[in-house]
Structure formats: C-alpha cells, structure tokens
Amino acid sequence: MREDNPPERLNARFAEVVAAAESRGGKCISQSYIHCDTQMEFECKKHGTFFSKARFVLGGAWCMKCGFDVKKSREIGRASC
C-alpha cells in the first residue's frame, strides 16, 4: 500500500466507486480498492460482468456494451431525422 493512501482514504474511494456503479443501476463486484488504475469487476444490469479501471467509472464511464448501444441508437436517431 502506498504511504499517501491511508486505509481511510482507500475506503472512501471504494465507497465512491460502489456508489458510481449503483447510480448506473449496476454493482461493484470487487471487494477492495487499491488505486484508480486497478482493474475492478462490475456488473451491468443489462450486459453482465465486465472489468474497468476505477478511474473510468468514477469519471462517468460504464459498460462498454452500453456505450456501444448508446452510440448505435444515436446513429439510428440521426439517420431517421
């Protein structure tokens, strides 16, 4: 464990990651947070489990398949206008 990341800070970051996953209707499967570039396991309610860095989830990203679905629906929406 890095000295600049005391356990209290790691626990707080883990809680933020869990909250971010829940805000997207999913959940965090991983049981701990090490740092923002560690791959963590998540579950998307639509597409199942996937791995992502905590940094990306905290930054607003989610399941890549959901992202693809959104992009595809935008393209369909533009095509129908």
C-alpha atoms as a PDB file:
ATOM      1  CA  MET A   1       0.000   0.000   0.000  1.00  0.00           C
ATOM      2  CA  ARG A   2       1.305   3.436  -0.897  1.00  0.00           C
ATOM      3  CA  GLU A   3       2.015   5.718   2.049  1.00  0.00           C
ATOM      4  CA  ASP A   4      -0.011   8.575   0.549  1.00  0.00           C
ATOM      5  CA  ASN A   5      -3.143   6.391   0.521  1.00  0.00           C
ATOM      6  CA  PRO A   6      -4.076   5.617   4.132  1.00  0.00           C
ATOM      7  CA  PRO A   7      -6.774   2.976   4.683  1.00  0.00           C
ATOM      8  CA  GLU A   8      -9.426   5.619   5.435  1.00  0.00           C
ATOM      9  CA  ARG A   9      -8.852   7.243   2.041  1.00  0.00           C
ATOM     10  CA  LEU A  10      -8.950   3.882   0.250  1.00  0.00           C
ATOM     11  CA  ASN A  11     -12.209   3.005   1.989  1.00  0.00           C
ATOM     12  CA  ALA A  12     -13.701   6.352   0.997  1.00  0.00           C
ATOM     13  CA  ARG A  13     -12.647   5.871  -2.645  1.00  0.00           C
ATOM     14  CA  PHE A  14     -14.060   2.344  -2.632  1.00  0.00           C
ATOM     15  CA  ALA A  15     -17.371   3.736  -1.372  1.00  0.00           C
ATOM     16  CA  GLU A  16     -17.320   6.285  -4.232  1.00  0.00           C
ATOM     17  CA  VAL A  17     -16.754   3.514  -6.794  1.00  0.00           C
ATOM     18  CA  VAL A  18     -19.595   1.440  -5.317  1.00  0.00           C
ATOM     19  CA  ALA A  19     -21.912   4.474  -5.380  1.00  0.00           C
ATOM     20  CA  ALA A  20     -20.964   5.237  -9.001  1.00  0.00           C
ATOM     21  CA  ALA A  21     -21.806   1.665 -10.033  1.00  0.00           C
ATOM     22  CA  GLU A  22     -25.123   1.752  -8.172  1.00  0.00           C
ATOM     23  CA  SER A  23     -26.029   5.101  -9.751  1.00  0.00           C
ATOM     24  CA  ARG A  24     -25.875   3.354 -13.132  1.00  0.00           C
ATOM     25  CA  GLY A  25     -28.118   0.510 -11.981  1.00  0.00           C
ATOM     26  CA  GLY A  26     -25.194  -1.871 -11.577  1.00  0.00           C
ATOM     27  CA  LYS A  27     -22.924  -3.007  -8.814  1.00  0.00           C
ATOM     28  CA  CYS A  28     -19.280  -3.306  -7.921  1.00  0.00           C
ATOM     29  CA  ILE A  29     -18.252  -6.960  -7.606  1.00  0.00           C
ATOM     30  CA  SER A  30     -14.696  -6.241  -6.436  1.00  0.00           C
ATOM     31  CA  GLN A  31     -14.234  -6.266  -2.690  1.00  0.00           C
ATOM     32  CA  SER A  32     -11.498  -3.656  -2.392  1.00  0.00           C
ATOM     33  CA  TYR A  33      -9.945  -0.554  -3.967  1.00  0.00           C
ATOM     34  CA  ILE A  34      -6.186  -0.321  -4.441  1.00  0.00           C
ATOM     35  CA  HIS A  35      -5.782   2.723  -6.687  1.00  0.00           C
ATOM     36  CA  CYS A  36      -7.509   4.402  -9.621  1.00  0.00           C
ATOM     37  CA  ASP A  37      -5.698   2.354 -12.286  1.00  0.00           C
ATOM     38  CA  THR A  38      -6.541  -1.041 -10.817  1.00  0.00           C
ATOM     39  CA  GLN A  39      -8.959  -3.147 -12.846  1.00  0.00           C
ATOM     40  CA  MET A  40     -12.118  -3.781 -10.855  1.00  0.00           C
ATOM     41  CA  GLU A  41     -15.039  -6.068 -11.604  1.00  0.00           C
ATOM     42  CA  PHE A  42     -18.521  -4.621 -12.097  1.00  0.00           C
ATOM     43  CA  GLU A  43     -21.905  -5.947 -13.062  1.00  0.00           C
ATOM     44  CA  CYS A  44     -24.092  -4.171 -15.599  1.00  0.00           C
ATOM     45  CA  LYS A  45     -27.776  -4.980 -15.156  1.00  0.00           C
ATOM     46  CA  LYS A  46     -28.154  -5.343 -18.925  1.00  0.00           C
ATOM     47  CA  HIS A  47     -24.885  -6.953 -20.072  1.00  0.00           C
ATOM     48  CA  GLY A  48     -23.462  -8.825 -17.069  1.00  0.00           C
ATOM     49  CA  THR A  49     -19.975  -8.586 -15.611  1.00  0.00           C
ATOM     50  CA  PHE A  50     -17.060  -6.604 -17.010  1.00  0.00           C
ATOM     51  CA  PHE A  51     -13.751  -5.144 -15.868  1.00  0.00           C
ATOM     52  CA  SER A  52     -12.833  -1.482 -15.860  1.00  0.00           C
ATOM     53  CA  LYS A  53     -10.410   0.812 -14.101  1.00  0.00           C
ATOM     54  CA  ALA A  54     -11.890   2.668 -11.149  1.00  0.00           C
ATOM     55  CA  ARG A  55     -10.693   5.902 -12.797  1.00  0.00           C
ATOM     56  CA  PHE A  56     -13.063   5.375 -15.738  1.00  0.00           C
ATOM     57  CA  VAL A  57     -16.095   4.507 -13.632  1.00  0.00           C
ATOM     58  CA  LEU A  58     -15.506   7.486 -11.350  1.00  0.00           C
ATOM     59  CA  GLY A  59     -15.142   9.639 -14.467  1.00  0.00           C
ATOM     60  CA  GLY A  60     -18.586   8.656 -15.769  1.00  0.00           C
ATOM     61  CA  ALA A  61     -17.849   5.658 -17.988  1.00  0.00           C
ATOM     62  CA  TRP A  62     -19.677   2.375 -17.610  1.00  0.00           C
ATOM     63  CA  CYS A  63     -20.188  -0.864 -19.505  1.00  0.00           C
ATOM     64  CA  MET A  64     -18.646  -0.751 -22.985  1.00  0.00           C
ATOM     65  CA  LYS A  65     -21.632  -2.612 -24.433  1.00  0.00           C
ATOM     66  CA  CYS A  66     -24.000   0.020 -23.024  1.00  0.00           C
ATOM     67  CA  GLY A  67     -21.771   2.701 -24.536  1.00  0.00           C
ATOM     68  CA  PHE A  68     -21.967   0.950 -27.877  1.00  0.00           C
ATOM     69  CA  ASP A  69     -25.777   0.711 -27.557  1.00  0.00           C
ATOM     70  CA  VAL A  70     -25.998   4.458 -26.874  1.00  0.00           C
ATOM     71  CA  LYS A  71     -23.751   5.286 -29.831  1.00  0.00           C
ATOM     72  CA  LYS A  72     -25.744   2.973 -32.108  1.00  0.00           C
ATOM     73  CA  SER A  73     -29.092   4.460 -31.020  1.00  0.00           C
ATOM     74  CA  ARG A  74     -27.734   7.981 -31.650  1.00  0.00           C
ATOM     75  CA  GLU A  75     -26.692   6.945 -35.152  1.00  0.00           C
ATOM     76  CA  ILE A  76     -30.129   5.431 -35.792  1.00  0.00           C
ATOM     77  CA  GLY A  77     -31.740   8.609 -34.442  1.00  0.00           C
ATOM     78  CA  ARG A  78     -29.676  10.784 -36.768  1.00  0.00           C
ATOM     79  CA  ALA A  79     -30.454   8.567 -39.724  1.00  0.00           C
ATOM     80  CA  SER A  80     -34.192   8.841 -39.127  1.00  0.00           C
ATOM     81  CA  CYS A  81     -34.205  12.673 -38.938  1.00  0.00           C
END
